[in-house]
Amino acid sequence: MVNNIHAAVAANISELKKNPMGTVAAGKGFPVAILNRNKPAFYCVPANVYEAMLDRLEDQDLQAIADARAEQALHKIALEEL
């Protein structure tokens, strides 16, 4: 069975256990595929990359909400009514 690896750098779990920070650093800011028996087990990403991914996912969720509300009727309300 062929496995796609979505990272330019890959390391096995033994390498990760020996030198976790060195393994992450080998990715030079990009994800590192961690292999178990030559199959991707998980991807190790630097904290700033993970945070950026979460921000983009949140932006997509907010855009979906905005798109869903775009068709709703507008109601004018005076400031005093609030």
N, C-alpha and C. Protein backbone atom coordinates (compact mmCIF):
# COMPACT_ATOMS: atom_id res chain seq x y z
N MET A 1 0.84 -1.18 0.00
CA MET A 1 0.00 0.00 0.00
C MET A 1 0.88 1.24 0.00
N VAL A 2 0.56 2.19 -0.86
CA VAL A 2 1.32 3.42 -0.99
C VAL A 2 0.74 4.47 -0.04
N ASN A 3 1.64 5.14 0.67
CA ASN A 3 1.22 6.21 1.59
C ASN A 3 1.79 7.53 1.10
N ASN A 4 0.94 8.53 0.97
CA ASN A 4 1.42 9.87 0.64
C ASN A 4 1.99 10.50 1.89
N ILE A 5 3.13 11.13 1.73
CA ILE A 5 3.74 11.86 2.84
C ILE A 5 3.68 13.34 2.46
N HIS A 6 2.99 14.10 3.26
CA HIS A 6 2.76 15.50 2.96
C HIS A 6 3.75 16.40 3.69
N ALA A 7 5.01 16.06 3.59
CA ALA A 7 6.08 16.85 4.20
C ALA A 7 7.37 16.59 3.43
N ALA A 8 8.20 17.60 3.36
CA ALA A 8 9.49 17.45 2.68
C ALA A 8 10.49 16.68 3.54
N VAL A 9 10.28 16.68 4.85
CA VAL A 9 11.19 16.02 5.78
C VAL A 9 10.42 14.94 6.53
N ALA A 10 11.05 13.78 6.66
CA ALA A 10 10.44 12.68 7.41
C ALA A 10 11.47 12.13 8.39
N ALA A 11 10.99 11.62 9.50
CA ALA A 11 11.86 11.01 10.51
C ALA A 11 11.08 9.86 11.14
N ASN A 12 11.81 8.88 11.65
CA ASN A 12 11.10 7.80 12.34
C ASN A 12 10.96 8.12 13.82
N ILE A 13 10.13 7.35 14.48
CA ILE A 13 9.83 7.62 15.89
C ILE A 13 11.09 7.54 16.75
N SER A 14 12.00 6.64 16.42
CA SER A 14 13.25 6.51 17.18
C SER A 14 14.05 7.80 17.14
N GLU A 15 14.12 8.42 15.96
CA GLU A 15 14.83 9.69 15.85
C GLU A 15 14.15 10.78 16.68
N LEU A 16 12.82 10.77 16.66
CA LEU A 16 12.08 11.76 17.44
C LEU A 16 12.34 11.58 18.92
N LYS A 17 12.38 10.34 19.40
CA LYS A 17 12.64 10.07 20.81
C LYS A 17 14.05 10.51 21.22
N LYS A 18 15.02 10.28 20.33
CA LYS A 18 16.42 10.63 20.64
C LYS A 18 16.63 12.14 20.72
N ASN A 19 16.00 12.86 19.79
CA ASN A 19 16.25 14.30 19.70
C ASN A 19 15.00 15.02 19.21
N PRO A 20 14.02 15.23 20.08
CA PRO A 20 12.76 15.83 19.63
C PRO A 20 12.92 17.22 19.00
N MET A 21 13.68 18.08 19.65
CA MET A 21 13.83 19.44 19.12
C MET A 21 14.65 19.46 17.83
N GLY A 22 15.61 18.57 17.73
CA GLY A 22 16.40 18.47 16.49
C GLY A 22 15.55 17.98 15.34
N THR A 23 14.63 17.07 15.63
CA THR A 23 13.73 16.55 14.60
C THR A 23 12.82 17.66 14.09
N VAL A 24 12.27 18.45 15.00
CA VAL A 24 11.41 19.57 14.61
C VAL A 24 12.24 20.59 13.83
N ALA A 25 13.44 20.87 14.28
CA ALA A 25 14.31 21.86 13.63
C ALA A 25 14.69 21.41 12.22
N ALA A 26 14.75 20.11 11.98
CA ALA A 26 15.11 19.60 10.65
C ALA A 26 14.09 20.04 9.60
N GLY A 27 12.87 20.31 10.04
CA GLY A 27 11.84 20.78 9.11
C GLY A 27 11.98 22.23 8.72
N LYS A 28 12.84 22.96 9.39
CA LYS A 28 13.11 24.38 9.09
C LYS A 28 11.82 25.19 9.02
N GLY A 29 10.93 24.98 10.01
CA GLY A 29 9.70 25.74 10.07
C GLY A 29 8.52 25.08 9.37
N PHE A 30 8.75 23.95 8.73
CA PHE A 30 7.69 23.23 8.03
C PHE A 30 7.40 21.92 8.76
N PRO A 31 6.26 21.28 8.46
CA PRO A 31 5.93 20.02 9.13
C PRO A 31 6.96 18.92 8.85
N VAL A 32 7.10 18.04 9.83
CA VAL A 32 7.96 16.86 9.69
C VAL A 32 7.05 15.64 9.84
N ALA A 33 7.08 14.75 8.86
CA ALA A 33 6.30 13.52 8.95
C ALA A 33 7.03 12.55 9.87
N ILE A 34 6.32 12.02 10.86
CA ILE A 34 6.89 11.03 11.76
C ILE A 34 6.37 9.68 11.32
N LEU A 35 7.31 8.79 11.01
CA LEU A 35 6.97 7.49 10.46
C LEU A 35 7.06 6.39 11.51
N ASN A 36 6.15 5.44 11.41
CA ASN A 36 6.18 4.24 12.22
C ASN A 36 6.11 3.07 11.24
N ARG A 37 7.17 2.30 11.20
CA ARG A 37 7.28 1.20 10.23
C ARG A 37 7.09 1.70 8.80
N ASN A 38 7.73 2.81 8.51
CA ASN A 38 7.72 3.45 7.19
C ASN A 38 6.36 3.94 6.72
N LYS A 39 5.44 4.13 7.65
CA LYS A 39 4.14 4.71 7.32
C LYS A 39 3.95 5.95 8.18
N PRO A 40 3.36 7.00 7.62
CA PRO A 40 3.15 8.21 8.42
C PRO A 40 2.25 7.94 9.61
N ALA A 41 2.73 8.27 10.81
CA ALA A 41 1.95 8.10 12.03
C ALA A 41 1.31 9.43 12.42
N PHE A 42 2.08 10.51 12.26
CA PHE A 42 1.58 11.85 12.54
C PHE A 42 2.55 12.87 11.98
N TYR A 43 2.13 14.12 12.01
CA TYR A 43 2.97 15.22 11.55
C TYR A 43 3.31 16.10 12.74
N CYS A 44 4.55 16.45 12.82
CA CYS A 44 5.04 17.30 13.89
C CYS A 44 5.23 18.69 13.28
N VAL A 45 4.50 19.66 13.83
CA VAL A 45 4.58 21.01 13.28
C VAL A 45 5.03 21.98 14.36
N PRO A 46 5.80 23.00 14.00
CA PRO A 46 6.18 24.02 14.97
C PRO A 46 4.94 24.75 15.49
N ALA A 47 5.04 25.29 16.68
CA ALA A 47 3.91 25.94 17.33
C ALA A 47 3.33 27.07 16.47
N ASN A 48 4.16 27.88 15.85
CA ASN A 48 3.64 29.00 15.05
C ASN A 48 2.86 28.50 13.83
N VAL A 49 3.25 27.38 13.27
CA VAL A 49 2.53 26.81 12.13
C VAL A 49 1.17 26.29 12.59
N TYR A 50 1.14 25.61 13.73
CA TYR A 50 -0.10 25.10 14.28
C TYR A 50 -1.07 26.24 14.59
N GLU A 51 -0.56 27.31 15.19
CA GLU A 51 -1.39 28.46 15.51
C GLU A 51 -1.95 29.10 14.25
N ALA A 52 -1.13 29.19 13.20
CA ALA A 52 -1.59 29.75 11.93
C ALA A 52 -2.68 28.87 11.31
N MET A 53 -2.53 27.56 11.43
CA MET A 53 -3.56 26.64 10.92
C MET A 53 -4.88 26.85 11.65
N LEU A 54 -4.82 26.97 12.97
CA LEU A 54 -6.04 27.20 13.75
C LEU A 54 -6.69 28.54 13.38
N ASP A 55 -5.88 29.56 13.16
CA ASP A 55 -6.41 30.87 12.76
C ASP A 55 -7.15 30.77 11.42
N ARG A 56 -6.56 30.05 10.47
CA ARG A 56 -7.19 29.90 9.16
C ARG A 56 -8.49 29.11 9.25
N LEU A 57 -8.50 28.08 10.07
CA LEU A 57 -9.74 27.31 10.26
C LEU A 57 -10.83 28.17 10.88
N GLU A 58 -10.45 28.98 11.86
CA GLU A 58 -11.42 29.88 12.49
C GLU A 58 -11.95 30.89 11.47
N ASP A 59 -11.05 31.41 10.64
CA ASP A 59 -11.47 32.36 9.60
C ASP A 59 -12.47 31.71 8.64
N GLN A 60 -12.23 30.45 8.28
CA GLN A 60 -13.15 29.75 7.39
C GLN A 60 -14.51 29.57 8.04
N ASP A 61 -14.52 29.23 9.33
CA ASP A 61 -15.78 29.09 10.06
C ASP A 61 -16.53 30.41 10.10
N LEU A 62 -15.82 31.50 10.38
CA LEU A 62 -16.45 32.81 10.42
C LEU A 62 -16.98 33.23 9.05
N GLN A 63 -16.25 32.89 8.01
CA GLN A 63 -16.71 33.20 6.65
C GLN A 63 -17.97 32.44 6.31
N ALA A 64 -18.05 31.18 6.74
CA ALA A 64 -19.25 30.38 6.50
C ALA A 64 -20.46 30.98 7.22
N ILE A 65 -20.25 31.48 8.43
CA ILE A 65 -21.34 32.14 9.17
C ILE A 65 -21.77 33.42 8.44
N ALA A 66 -20.79 34.21 8.02
CA ALA A 66 -21.10 35.45 7.30
C ALA A 66 -21.84 35.16 6.00
N ASP A 67 -21.42 34.14 5.27
CA ASP A 67 -22.09 33.77 4.02
C ASP A 67 -23.53 33.34 4.28
N ALA A 68 -23.74 32.58 5.34
CA ALA A 68 -25.09 32.11 5.67
C ALA A 68 -25.99 33.27 6.05
N ARG A 69 -25.43 34.28 6.67
CA ARG A 69 -26.22 35.43 7.11
C ARG A 69 -26.38 36.50 6.04
N ALA A 70 -25.65 36.38 4.96
CA ALA A 70 -25.68 37.40 3.91
C ALA A 70 -27.06 37.54 3.27
N GLU A 71 -27.83 36.47 3.26
CA GLU A 71 -29.16 36.49 2.64
C GLU A 71 -30.26 36.94 3.59
N GLN A 72 -29.93 37.13 4.85
CA GLN A 72 -30.94 37.54 5.82
C GLN A 72 -31.35 39.00 5.59
N ALA A 73 -32.60 39.27 5.91
CA ALA A 73 -33.10 40.64 5.78
C ALA A 73 -32.47 41.53 6.83
N LEU A 74 -32.25 42.78 6.47
CA LEU A 74 -31.69 43.77 7.41
C LEU A 74 -32.82 44.48 8.12
N HIS A 75 -32.62 44.75 9.39
CA HIS A 75 -33.61 45.48 10.18
C HIS A 75 -32.93 46.71 10.77
N LYS A 76 -33.44 47.85 10.44
CA LYS A 76 -32.87 49.08 10.99
C LYS A 76 -33.36 49.28 12.41
N ILE A 77 -32.43 49.59 13.30
CA ILE A 77 -32.75 49.81 14.70
C ILE A 77 -32.08 51.11 15.12
N ALA A 78 -32.83 51.95 15.77
CA ALA A 78 -32.27 53.20 16.27
C ALA A 78 -31.38 52.91 17.47
N LEU A 79 -30.37 53.71 17.62
CA LEU A 79 -29.42 53.53 18.71
C LEU A 79 -30.13 53.58 20.06
N GLU A 80 -31.14 54.39 20.16
CA GLU A 80 -31.86 54.52 21.43
C GLU A 80 -32.62 53.23 21.79
N GLU A 81 -32.93 52.41 20.81
CA GLU A 81 -33.67 51.16 21.07
C GLU A 81 -32.78 50.07 21.68
N LEU A 82 -31.49 50.26 21.60
CA LEU A 82 -30.58 49.28 22.15
C LEU A 82 -30.47 49.51 23.62
